[in-house]
Structures are given as structure tokens and as C-alpha cells.
Amino acid sequence: MKRSKLLFGMFAIAALAFGGSGANAAPPDSTTCSGATLAPGVYKDLRVTGYCKIDGQVIINGNVKVAEGAYLDAAWPGTRLVIDGDVSVGRGAKLGLGCSFGYHGCGANPVWLGSVIVNGNIDAKEALTMFLDFTIVQGNVDWKGGGDATMGDSPGQQDGLVLVIKDNVIGGNLKVDGWVGAWFGIIRNKVFGNVTAAHTAGNRVDPDTGNPDSTEIATNIVTGNLKCDHNSPPAQIGDSGGTLNIVLGKKSDECAGL
């Protein structure tokens, strides 16, 4: 996936301008969101049981749980979201945090004026997919399993399932283990812990070269270690237009040369 390079910090500054916590606000009781747009405001805990859209200024003073098969869609130009707790994502569920290029009218502008801050962790088990873009996560991002092997690209098409982790600041570790689909990538993130990509599989093919086009691990800044193993295709820069990762710890296995 070809994308222009971005400057780290610009989106972080914009996000912090919104404010990092709503602890002093007076939230209502825990809220369930299903098949609707969550109204701007301050909430305690949030449970997503269907489709839940956030396209305004929302503060969650507790945790967010995305139930099995549900979809939290906080990836819009107008999204201003702070989650003071953790985000958990269930089997077959989808998570969208931060505005991705060309997604929901976000366009190709490299400067997104919205903001998403998660002051805890993101934990996904057997979830379908995630779009994580321009988001600040104070804790860890831990993805186990999930995706769908039947949702790869059709022959000659790029229409399959993708798992996108781009342009984020992550205070802890980032780990993706066992996801399958069409395309998966970790690009232009700043991670203050370790990064691990293992046992993933994507069937996307570059239409220009015919080369496998997934597992793109590029242009990241990693304070800890970078480890990639048992991925198909093996970790690569690919056609991302990116550069080698800056890793203060150790690069190993498939990522040894990246």
C-alpha cells in the first residue's frame, strides 16, 4: 500500500490539544451503543453491541468493550475521542480508531484534524479487523488471532480484508499474532516498547510486480525490539514506499534486515 510519508508529532499535538482526560466530568451510567451514532458527551463505560459510530467529541471515563460481531467506528473526520480506560475487542468484531486515508471521507490529506487517545490498553481476541490510525495509545496493543481466511482478495482484485496499523504513538508494546486476510501492515508508528508480528497471513499481490503484498513493516521508530516470524509473506518493506525501521533494541528473524 503506497502512502506518503508523515511527520511524527503533528497529530499528537492536535490530539493533546483536545485534552487527555475527562476524569473531572460527571458521566452518566454505563452506556450501550448499538446501531446508532453516539451523541457527543461524557460517558462512564461504553459497551458496543452492534454498529456504533463516533463522529464528534466524546469522552469515556472508563473502559470500552466491543462485543462479539460488533463494530466501533470512531474513524471519521469529526472524531474527537478520549478513552481513559482499556478497549477490549471480541470475536468477529471490528475496531476503527483514527482517520485512515480515503476512509469515511478522510481523503488523502496527511494532516487529520481529529484526535483519538486511549489512556489504557487495546486487547483483541479473535477479532475480525482493526483500523488504527493517528491514535495515541498509552498502554499496549495486543492482537491475538482473528481475521478470516475466506476474506482474502479475489483474483485480480484488491477487495479483501485488511488490518491497518499506521501513524500511531504507542506507549507500550505492539503485538499482532495469528491474523489472516488480504493485507496487514505496521507503518510509520512510534512505539516505546517492543513490536512483534507473528503467524499472520495475507494473500494480496502487487498488480504491477506480481509479488506478495502484505506484512509490510516499515518506517517505524521502536524503542524496544522488533521481532517478526512465521508470517506469510515474510515481513517486508514491500510497495509501502517506506524506509527501514529505526530500532533501538534488536531486530530479529524476518525483521532482521528491516
C-alpha atoms as a PDB file:
ATOM      1  CA  MET A   1       0.000   0.000   0.000  1.00  0.00           C
ATOM      2  CA  LYS A   2       1.614   3.199  -1.191  1.00  0.00           C
ATOM      3  CA  ARG A   3       1.269   6.152   1.205  1.00  0.00           C
ATOM      4  CA  SER A   4       3.113   9.450   1.591  1.00  0.00           C
ATOM      5  CA  LYS A   5       5.493   9.928   4.480  1.00  0.00           C
ATOM      6  CA  LEU A   6       4.255  11.797   7.515  1.00  0.00           C
ATOM      7  CA  LEU A   7       5.911  13.771  10.271  1.00  0.00           C
ATOM      8  CA  PHE A   8       5.573  12.236  13.709  1.00  0.00           C
ATOM      9  CA  GLY A   9       4.156  14.517  16.353  1.00  0.00           C
ATOM     10  CA  MET A  10       1.797  16.663  14.290  1.00  0.00           C
ATOM     11  CA  PHE A  11      -1.235  14.541  15.058  1.00  0.00           C
ATOM     12  CA  ALA A  12      -0.101  14.067  18.649  1.00  0.00           C
ATOM     13  CA  ILE A  13      -0.076  17.804  19.178  1.00  0.00           C
ATOM     14  CA  ALA A  14      -3.529  18.114  17.655  1.00  0.00           C
ATOM     15  CA  ALA A  15      -4.838  15.292  19.815  1.00  0.00           C
ATOM     16  CA  LEU A  16      -3.406  16.629  23.038  1.00  0.00           C
ATOM     17  CA  ALA A  17      -4.981  19.971  22.330  1.00  0.00           C
ATOM     18  CA  PHE A  18      -8.342  18.257  22.823  1.00  0.00           C
ATOM     19  CA  GLY A  19      -7.363  17.156  26.325  1.00  0.00           C
ATOM     20  CA  GLY A  20      -6.233  13.819  27.688  1.00  0.00           C
ATOM     21  CA  SER A  21      -8.797  13.030  30.364  1.00  0.00           C
ATOM     22  CA  GLY A  22     -12.354  13.611  31.374  1.00  0.00           C
ATOM     23  CA  ALA A  23     -11.906  12.458  34.953  1.00  0.00           C
ATOM     24  CA  ASN A  24     -13.430  15.592  36.421  1.00  0.00           C
ATOM     25  CA  ALA A  25     -16.602  15.418  34.340  1.00  0.00           C
ATOM     26  CA  ALA A  26     -19.861  13.933  35.625  1.00  0.00           C
ATOM     27  CA  PRO A  27     -20.660  10.970  33.354  1.00  0.00           C
ATOM     28  CA  PRO A  28     -23.963   9.110  33.193  1.00  0.00           C
ATOM     29  CA  ASP A  29     -24.201   5.406  33.938  1.00  0.00           C
ATOM     30  CA  SER A  30     -22.567   2.836  31.672  1.00  0.00           C
ATOM     31  CA  THR A  31     -23.882   3.136  28.120  1.00  0.00           C
ATOM     32  CA  THR A  32     -24.693   0.563  25.443  1.00  0.00           C
ATOM     33  CA  CYS A  33     -24.362   1.659  21.808  1.00  0.00           C
ATOM     34  CA  SER A  34     -25.918  -0.417  19.028  1.00  0.00           C
ATOM     35  CA  GLY A  35     -26.996   0.648  15.565  1.00  0.00           C
ATOM     36  CA  ALA A  36     -26.598   4.359  16.236  1.00  0.00           C
ATOM     37  CA  THR A  37     -24.302   7.363  16.429  1.00  0.00           C
ATOM     38  CA  LEU A  38     -23.108   8.012  19.970  1.00  0.00           C
ATOM     39  CA  ALA A  39     -24.071  11.551  20.906  1.00  0.00           C
ATOM     40  CA  PRO A  40     -21.250  13.915  21.916  1.00  0.00           C
ATOM     41  CA  GLY A  41     -20.736  13.941  25.660  1.00  0.00           C
ATOM     42  CA  VAL A  42     -19.076  12.311  28.651  1.00  0.00           C
ATOM     43  CA  TYR A  43     -19.783   8.676  29.488  1.00  0.00           C
ATOM     44  CA  LYS A  44     -18.717   6.168  32.115  1.00  0.00           C
ATOM     45  CA  ASP A  45     -18.137   2.748  30.489  1.00  0.00           C
ATOM     46  CA  LEU A  46     -19.193   2.003  26.917  1.00  0.00           C
ATOM     47  CA  ARG A  47     -20.416  -1.329  25.595  1.00  0.00           C
ATOM     48  CA  VAL A  48     -20.772  -1.710  21.830  1.00  0.00           C
ATOM     49  CA  THR A  49     -23.195  -4.455  20.801  1.00  0.00           C
ATOM     50  CA  GLY A  50     -23.886  -3.543  17.162  1.00  0.00           C
ATOM     51  CA  TYR A  51     -22.679  -0.744  14.919  1.00  0.00           C
ATOM     52  CA  CYS A  52     -21.622   2.329  16.920  1.00  0.00           C
ATOM     53  CA  LYS A  53     -20.421   5.489  15.181  1.00  0.00           C
ATOM     54  CA  ILE A  54     -18.437   8.254  16.921  1.00  0.00           C
ATOM     55  CA  ASP A  55     -18.111  11.390  14.810  1.00  0.00           C
ATOM     56  CA  GLY A  56     -17.983  14.084  17.475  1.00  0.00           C
ATOM     57  CA  GLN A  57     -16.424  14.977  20.825  1.00  0.00           C
ATOM     58  CA  VAL A  58     -16.765  12.033  23.221  1.00  0.00           C
ATOM     59  CA  ILE A  59     -15.031  11.180  26.491  1.00  0.00           C
ATOM     60  CA  ILE A  60     -15.260   7.708  28.035  1.00  0.00           C
ATOM     61  CA  ASN A  61     -14.122   7.855  31.655  1.00  0.00           C
ATOM     62  CA  GLY A  62     -13.874   4.073  31.951  1.00  0.00           C
ATOM     63  CA  ASN A  63     -13.480   1.076  29.636  1.00  0.00           C
ATOM     64  CA  VAL A  64     -14.839   0.244  26.199  1.00  0.00           C
ATOM     65  CA  LYS A  65     -15.986  -3.272  25.321  1.00  0.00           C
ATOM     66  CA  VAL A  66     -16.705  -4.147  21.698  1.00  0.00           C
ATOM     67  CA  ALA A  67     -18.834  -7.281  21.883  1.00  0.00           C
ATOM     68  CA  GLU A  68     -18.692 -10.287  19.565  1.00  0.00           C
ATOM     69  CA  GLY A  69     -19.517  -9.273  16.000  1.00  0.00           C
ATOM     70  CA  ALA A  70     -19.931  -5.575  16.863  1.00  0.00           C
ATOM     71  CA  TYR A  71     -18.234  -2.564  15.262  1.00  0.00           C
ATOM     72  CA  LEU A  72     -16.928   0.554  16.994  1.00  0.00           C
ATOM     73  CA  ASP A  73     -16.406   3.056  14.191  1.00  0.00           C
ATOM     74  CA  ALA A  74     -14.512   6.081  15.526  1.00  0.00           C
ATOM     75  CA  ALA A  75     -12.690   6.815  12.280  1.00  0.00           C
ATOM     76  CA  TRP A  76     -14.347   9.938  10.916  1.00  0.00           C
ATOM     77  CA  PRO A  77     -13.119  13.464  10.119  1.00  0.00           C
ATOM     78  CA  GLY A  78     -15.069  14.805  13.107  1.00  0.00           C
ATOM     79  CA  THR A  79     -13.963  12.198  15.656  1.00  0.00           C
ATOM     80  CA  ARG A  80     -12.626  13.669  18.924  1.00  0.00           C
ATOM     81  CA  LEU A  81     -12.380  10.731  21.313  1.00  0.00           C
ATOM     82  CA  VAL A  82     -10.698  10.129  24.669  1.00  0.00           C
ATOM     83  CA  ILE A  83     -10.909   6.727  26.392  1.00  0.00           C
ATOM     84  CA  ASP A  84      -9.479   6.822  29.891  1.00  0.00           C
ATOM     85  CA  GLY A  85      -9.524   3.029  30.340  1.00  0.00           C
ATOM     86  CA  ASP A  86      -8.970  -0.078  28.208  1.00  0.00           C
ATOM     87  CA  VAL A  87     -10.516  -1.197  24.922  1.00  0.00           C
ATOM     88  CA  SER A  88     -11.397  -4.889  24.507  1.00  0.00           C
ATOM     89  CA  VAL A  89     -12.485  -6.300  21.136  1.00  0.00           C
ATOM     90  CA  GLY A  90     -14.362  -9.612  20.909  1.00  0.00           C
ATOM     91  CA  ARG A  91     -14.537 -12.427  18.387  1.00  0.00           C
ATOM     92  CA  GLY A  92     -15.511 -11.302  14.902  1.00  0.00           C
ATOM     93  CA  ALA A  93     -15.695  -7.644  15.960  1.00  0.00           C
ATOM     94  CA  LYS A  94     -14.264  -4.591  14.191  1.00  0.00           C
ATOM     95  CA  LEU A  95     -12.481  -1.580  15.635  1.00  0.00           C
ATOM     96  CA  GLY A  96     -11.825   1.705  13.850  1.00  0.00           C
ATOM     97  CA  LEU A  97      -9.869   4.371  15.718  1.00  0.00           C
ATOM     98  CA  GLY A  98      -8.483   7.448  13.961  1.00  0.00           C
ATOM     99  CA  CYS A  99      -8.961   8.583  10.403  1.00  0.00           C
ATOM    100  CA  SER A 100      -7.426   6.389   7.690  1.00  0.00           C
ATOM    101  CA  PHE A 101      -6.560   7.697   4.215  1.00  0.00           C
ATOM    102  CA  GLY A 102      -9.575   7.622   1.947  1.00  0.00           C
ATOM    103  CA  TYR A 103     -11.763   6.062   4.648  1.00  0.00           C
ATOM    104  CA  HIS A 104     -15.108   7.647   5.583  1.00  0.00           C
ATOM    105  CA  GLY A 105     -14.293  10.774   3.629  1.00  0.00           C
ATOM    106  CA  CYS A 106     -10.961  11.346   5.368  1.00  0.00           C
ATOM    107  CA  GLY A 107      -9.369  11.959   1.962  1.00  0.00           C
ATOM    108  CA  ALA A 108      -5.662  11.865   1.195  1.00  0.00           C
ATOM    109  CA  ASN A 109      -4.692  14.849   3.343  1.00  0.00           C
ATOM    110  CA  PRO A 110      -1.784  13.753   5.572  1.00  0.00           C
ATOM    111  CA  VAL A 111      -2.945  16.051   8.392  1.00  0.00           C
ATOM    112  CA  TRP A 112      -6.034  14.771  10.202  1.00  0.00           C
ATOM    113  CA  LEU A 113      -7.557  17.412  12.488  1.00  0.00           C
ATOM    114  CA  GLY A 114      -9.392  14.942  14.712  1.00  0.00           C
ATOM    115  CA  SER A 115      -7.952  13.009  17.648  1.00  0.00           C
ATOM    116  CA  VAL A 116      -8.177   9.670  19.440  1.00  0.00           C
ATOM    117  CA  ILE A 117      -6.446   8.977  22.749  1.00  0.00           C
ATOM    118  CA  VAL A 118      -6.605   5.665  24.629  1.00  0.00           C
ATOM    119  CA  ASN A 119      -5.106   6.011  28.091  1.00  0.00           C
ATOM    120  CA  GLY A 120      -5.133   2.231  28.675  1.00  0.00           C
ATOM    121  CA  ASN A 121      -4.592  -0.851  26.510  1.00  0.00           C
ATOM    122  CA  ILE A 122      -6.208  -2.267  23.363  1.00  0.00           C
ATOM    123  CA  ASP A 123      -6.779  -6.028  23.632  1.00  0.00           C
ATOM    124  CA  ALA A 124      -8.353  -8.003  20.753  1.00  0.00           C
ATOM    125  CA  LYS A 125      -9.033 -11.749  20.757  1.00  0.00           C
ATOM    126  CA  GLU A 126     -10.189 -13.409  17.515  1.00  0.00           C
ATOM    127  CA  ALA A 127     -11.494 -10.056  16.260  1.00  0.00           C
ATOM    128  CA  LEU A 128     -12.151  -9.546  12.567  1.00  0.00           C
ATOM    129  CA  THR A 129     -10.114  -6.422  11.872  1.00  0.00           C
ATOM    130  CA  MET A 130      -8.869  -3.045  13.077  1.00  0.00           C
ATOM    131  CA  PHE A 131      -8.121   0.313  11.505  1.00  0.00           C
ATOM    132  CA  LEU A 132      -5.747   2.039  13.943  1.00  0.00           C
ATOM    133  CA  ASP A 133      -4.527   5.363  12.573  1.00  0.00           C
ATOM    134  CA  PHE A 134      -3.261   8.606  14.103  1.00  0.00           C
ATOM    135  CA  THR A 135      -4.110   7.343  17.588  1.00  0.00           C
ATOM    136  CA  ILE A 136      -2.245   7.751  20.869  1.00  0.00           C
ATOM    137  CA  VAL A 137      -2.310   4.583  22.992  1.00  0.00           C
ATOM    138  CA  GLN A 138      -0.666   4.981  26.381  1.00  0.00           C
ATOM    139  CA  GLY A 139      -0.533   1.216  27.037  1.00  0.00           C
ATOM    140  CA  ASN A 140      -0.179  -1.916  24.900  1.00  0.00           C
ATOM    141  CA  VAL A 141      -1.851  -3.029  21.684  1.00  0.00           C
ATOM    142  CA  ASP A 142      -2.261  -6.825  21.762  1.00  0.00           C
ATOM    143  CA  TRP A 143      -3.979  -8.615  18.854  1.00  0.00           C
ATOM    144  CA  LYS A 144      -4.464 -12.396  19.037  1.00  0.00           C
ATOM    145  CA  GLY A 145      -5.803 -14.458  16.136  1.00  0.00           C
ATOM    146  CA  GLY A 146      -8.809 -13.346  14.154  1.00  0.00           C
ATOM    147  CA  GLY A 147      -9.342 -12.163  10.638  1.00  0.00           C
ATOM    148  CA  ASP A 148     -10.937 -14.538   8.131  1.00  0.00           C
ATOM    149  CA  ALA A 149      -9.050 -16.734   5.672  1.00  0.00           C
ATOM    150  CA  THR A 150     -12.045 -16.653   3.305  1.00  0.00           C
ATOM    151  CA  MET A 151     -11.880 -12.846   3.041  1.00  0.00           C
ATOM    152  CA  GLY A 152      -8.655 -12.515   1.095  1.00  0.00           C
ATOM    153  CA  ASP A 153      -8.515 -10.644  -2.209  1.00  0.00           C
ATOM    154  CA  SER A 154     -10.466 -12.038  -5.157  1.00  0.00           C
ATOM    155  CA  PRO A 155      -8.332 -12.971  -8.200  1.00  0.00           C
ATOM    156  CA  GLY A 156      -7.160  -9.752  -9.836  1.00  0.00           C
ATOM    157  CA  GLN A 157      -8.884  -7.561  -7.236  1.00  0.00           C
ATOM    158  CA  GLN A 158      -7.866  -5.786  -4.032  1.00  0.00           C
ATOM    159  CA  ASP A 159     -11.173  -6.189  -2.251  1.00  0.00           C
ATOM    160  CA  GLY A 160     -10.266  -8.314   0.760  1.00  0.00           C
ATOM    161  CA  LEU A 161      -9.966  -7.823   4.491  1.00  0.00           C
ATOM    162  CA  VAL A 162      -7.127  -5.615   5.784  1.00  0.00           C
ATOM    163  CA  LEU A 163      -5.605  -4.927   9.213  1.00  0.00           C
ATOM    164  CA  VAL A 164      -4.131  -1.421   9.278  1.00  0.00           C
ATOM    165  CA  ILE A 165      -1.806  -0.033  11.990  1.00  0.00           C
ATOM    166  CA  LYS A 166      -0.362   3.288  10.784  1.00  0.00           C
ATOM    167  CA  ASP A 167       0.885   6.615  12.137  1.00  0.00           C
ATOM    168  CA  ASN A 168       0.229   5.902  15.817  1.00  0.00           C
ATOM    169  CA  VAL A 169       2.086   6.628  19.045  1.00  0.00           C
ATOM    170  CA  ILE A 170       2.045   3.587  21.349  1.00  0.00           C
ATOM    171  CA  GLY A 171       3.475   3.858  24.850  1.00  0.00           C
ATOM    172  CA  GLY A 172       3.801   0.114  25.485  1.00  0.00           C
ATOM    173  CA  ASN A 173       4.189  -2.964  23.288  1.00  0.00           C
ATOM    174  CA  LEU A 174       2.565  -3.696  19.924  1.00  0.00           C
ATOM    175  CA  LYS A 175       1.872  -7.340  19.087  1.00  0.00           C
ATOM    176  CA  VAL A 176      -0.096  -8.953  16.257  1.00  0.00           C
ATOM    177  CA  ASP A 177      -0.174 -12.757  16.343  1.00  0.00           C
ATOM    178  CA  GLY A 178      -2.227 -15.002  14.080  1.00  0.00           C
ATOM    179  CA  TRP A 179      -4.364 -12.639  11.956  1.00  0.00           C
ATOM    180  CA  VAL A 180      -5.332 -13.765   8.414  1.00  0.00           C
ATOM    181  CA  GLY A 181      -6.896 -11.886   5.496  1.00  0.00           C
ATOM    182  CA  ALA A 182      -5.741  -9.931   2.441  1.00  0.00           C
ATOM    183  CA  TRP A 183      -3.293  -7.313   3.761  1.00  0.00           C
ATOM    184  CA  PHE A 184      -1.645  -6.451   7.082  1.00  0.00           C
ATOM    185  CA  GLY A 185       0.862  -3.707   7.855  1.00  0.00           C
ATOM    186  CA  ILE A 186       2.595  -1.765  10.627  1.00  0.00           C
ATOM    187  CA  ILE A 187       3.803   1.520   9.130  1.00  0.00           C
ATOM    188  CA  ARG A 188       5.068   4.886  10.454  1.00  0.00           C
ATOM    189  CA  ASN A 189       4.351   4.191  14.126  1.00  0.00           C
ATOM    190  CA  LYS A 190       6.331   5.319  17.142  1.00  0.00           C
ATOM    191  CA  VAL A 191       6.393   2.509  19.720  1.00  0.00           C
ATOM    192  CA  PHE A 192       8.053   2.875  23.114  1.00  0.00           C
ATOM    193  CA  GLY A 193       8.049  -0.871  23.829  1.00  0.00           C
ATOM    194  CA  ASN A 194       8.555  -3.939  21.629  1.00  0.00           C
ATOM    195  CA  VAL A 195       6.927  -4.737  18.279  1.00  0.00           C
ATOM    196  CA  THR A 196       6.062  -8.334  17.329  1.00  0.00           C
ATOM    197  CA  ALA A 197       4.385  -9.619  14.157  1.00  0.00           C
ATOM    198  CA  ALA A 198       3.925 -13.398  14.042  1.00  0.00           C
ATOM    199  CA  HIS A 199       1.857 -16.098  12.290  1.00  0.00           C
ATOM    200  CA  THR A 200      -0.026 -13.635  10.079  1.00  0.00           C
ATOM    201  CA  ALA A 201      -1.111 -14.386   6.517  1.00  0.00           C
ATOM    202  CA  GLY A 202      -2.240 -12.117   3.667  1.00  0.00           C
ATOM    203  CA  ASN A 203      -2.902 -13.122   0.053  1.00  0.00           C
ATOM    204  CA  ARG A 204      -2.683  -9.676  -1.607  1.00  0.00           C
ATOM    205  CA  VAL A 205      -0.479  -9.441  -4.718  1.00  0.00           C
ATOM    206  CA  ASP A 206       1.080  -6.270  -6.133  1.00  0.00           C
ATOM    207  CA  PRO A 207      -0.643  -5.812  -9.519  1.00  0.00           C
ATOM    208  CA  ASP A 208       2.473  -4.179 -11.009  1.00  0.00           C
ATOM    209  CA  THR A 209       5.049  -6.766  -9.992  1.00  0.00           C
ATOM    210  CA  GLY A 210       3.073  -9.854  -9.096  1.00  0.00           C
ATOM    211  CA  ASN A 211       4.922 -10.012  -5.780  1.00  0.00           C
ATOM    212  CA  PRO A 212       3.167 -10.841  -2.489  1.00  0.00           C
ATOM    213  CA  ASP A 213       1.929  -7.608  -0.917  1.00  0.00           C
ATOM    214  CA  SER A 214       1.318  -7.962   2.817  1.00  0.00           C
ATOM    215  CA  THR A 215       3.182  -7.951   6.141  1.00  0.00           C
ATOM    216  CA  GLU A 216       4.620  -4.504   5.419  1.00  0.00           C
ATOM    217  CA  ILE A 217       6.687  -3.406   8.412  1.00  0.00           C
ATOM    218  CA  ALA A 218       8.251  -0.052   7.558  1.00  0.00           C
ATOM    219  CA  THR A 219       9.240   3.431   8.746  1.00  0.00           C
ATOM    220  CA  ASN A 220       8.548   2.657  12.406  1.00  0.00           C
ATOM    221  CA  ILE A 221      10.511   4.025  15.362  1.00  0.00           C
ATOM    222  CA  VAL A 222      10.796   1.334  18.038  1.00  0.00           C
ATOM    223  CA  THR A 223      12.437   1.911  21.412  1.00  0.00           C
ATOM    224  CA  GLY A 224      12.479  -1.809  22.243  1.00  0.00           C
ATOM    225  CA  ASN A 225      12.905  -4.863  19.992  1.00  0.00           C
ATOM    226  CA  LEU A 226      11.387  -5.686  16.590  1.00  0.00           C
ATOM    227  CA  LYS A 227      10.633  -9.379  16.011  1.00  0.00           C
ATOM    228  CA  CYS A 228       8.805 -10.905  13.025  1.00  0.00           C
ATOM    229  CA  ASP A 229       8.401 -14.654  12.480  1.00  0.00           C
ATOM    230  CA  HIS A 230       6.232 -17.221  10.671  1.00  0.00           C
ATOM    231  CA  ASN A 231       4.418 -14.636   8.566  1.00  0.00           C
ATOM    232  CA  SER A 232       3.149 -15.266   5.029  1.00  0.00           C
ATOM    233  CA  PRO A 233       4.532 -13.450   3.155  1.00  0.00           C
ATOM    234  CA  PRO A 234       7.559 -12.773   5.345  1.00  0.00           C
ATOM    235  CA  ALA A 235       7.834  -9.247   6.744  1.00  0.00           C
ATOM    236  CA  GLN A 236       8.944  -6.724   4.119  1.00  0.00           C
ATOM    237  CA  ILE A 237       9.052  -3.066   3.108  1.00  0.00           C
ATOM    238  CA  GLY A 238       7.042  -4.062   0.030  1.00  0.00           C
ATOM    239  CA  ASP A 239       5.459  -1.328  -2.050  1.00  0.00           C
ATOM    240  CA  SER A 240       4.712   0.820   1.005  1.00  0.00           C
ATOM    241  CA  GLY A 241       7.180   3.466  -0.154  1.00  0.00           C
ATOM    242  CA  GLY A 242       8.593   3.325   3.351  1.00  0.00           C
ATOM    243  CA  THR A 243      12.066   3.119   4.806  1.00  0.00           C
ATOM    244  CA  LEU A 244      13.925   0.831   7.167  1.00  0.00           C
ATOM    245  CA  ASN A 245      12.698   0.826  10.746  1.00  0.00           C
ATOM    246  CA  ILE A 246      14.670   2.662  13.435  1.00  0.00           C
ATOM    247  CA  VAL A 247      15.010   0.184  16.307  1.00  0.00           C
ATOM    248  CA  LEU A 248      16.947   0.948  19.481  1.00  0.00           C
ATOM    249  CA  GLY A 249      16.788  -2.670  20.619  1.00  0.00           C
ATOM    250  CA  LYS A 250      17.269  -5.756  18.456  1.00  0.00           C
ATOM    251  CA  LYS A 251      15.835  -6.622  15.049  1.00  0.00           C
ATOM    252  CA  SER A 252      15.326 -10.382  14.658  1.00  0.00           C
ATOM    253  CA  ASP A 253      14.066 -13.157  12.375  1.00  0.00           C
ATOM    254  CA  GLU A 254      12.209 -11.809   9.315  1.00  0.00           C
ATOM    255  CA  CYS A 255      12.732  -8.249  10.503  1.00  0.00           C
ATOM    256  CA  ALA A 256      16.486  -8.590  10.947  1.00  0.00           C
ATOM    257  CA  GLY A 257      17.121  -6.687   7.728  1.00  0.00           C
ATOM    258  CA  LEU A 258      14.265  -4.247   8.082  1.00  0.00           C
END
